[in-house]
Amino acid sequence: MTRPRLILAFAVAFAVLILAPAFLHQPFPLNRLMDCGDALDLLTPLVMLPLYWLLFTDAGRRTRGRRATLTFLVFGALWILGQGMHLSANSIGNLMGHGESPTHNLVHFYDEVLSHYIWHVAIIGMSVILVVGRREPEGSAPPTSWAVMAPSGFLYGFTYFCAVNEGGTVPLGLPAAIVIPAAILVTRRGGARRGNLTTFFFLGYVIALAFFVGWFARWGGFPEFSEKGII
């Protein structure tokens, strides 16, 4: 069973590295064309991909097959591609400001559309890879550590909701938040324990779904936070 502290470290890093850059608009001292959020975002794949790998292998204690490993690498590459494209295009877009030129439109497409969908497909795909085949037979593992899974799941779910809503990928992210926990419930009918990692993602997506429902109830749709002046 995946160690609770590793899951908590993953959830905290996921939240900080995805949410914090949006609030760090101060010029970066080493290159004032960048802001501090850009500099922090350079660390995102360097921190998150190793954490994904540690979860994937249970910190080296679990051997995964060739097919699962190749799938992990594909989604890992997509994760890095989407995040890197977003970082660079967003930084350039901030420097350019608003406009309607072909260059502005292309930067906007890379920043707000293509990069977000690639990145969020990878985030969803990585979570699916991490839970597939992770059911533990009854009696083979200690009980789920709810004291750690509850806050970890909340952090993941809230961050996922924020990323999807502000990223404009609700047509992708909302169905995933419904299908993934539903699939976990269906595959648990055989009497197997979910384990910490599966419980973490189950809670995370259920919490994200609750935020989606609440946001829709408040606004009658899914306006981005920036459209409402929140960020």
Foldseek 3Di string as FASTA:
>chain_A
DQDLVLLLVLLVLLLCLLPVLVPFQCQDVVGRLFTPSLVSNVCNLVPNLVSLVCLQCSNVVRDDDPVLVVLLVVLSVLQCVLSVQQSVLVSVLVSVDDDDDPVNVVSCCSNQPPSLVSNLVSVLSSLVSSQPPQWAAPPPDDDAPCVRLVVSLLSLQVSLLLSCLQSVPCVPSQVSLVPLLVVVVVVCVVVTHRYHSSSSPNSNSPNNNVVVVVCCVVPVDRHHCVVVVND
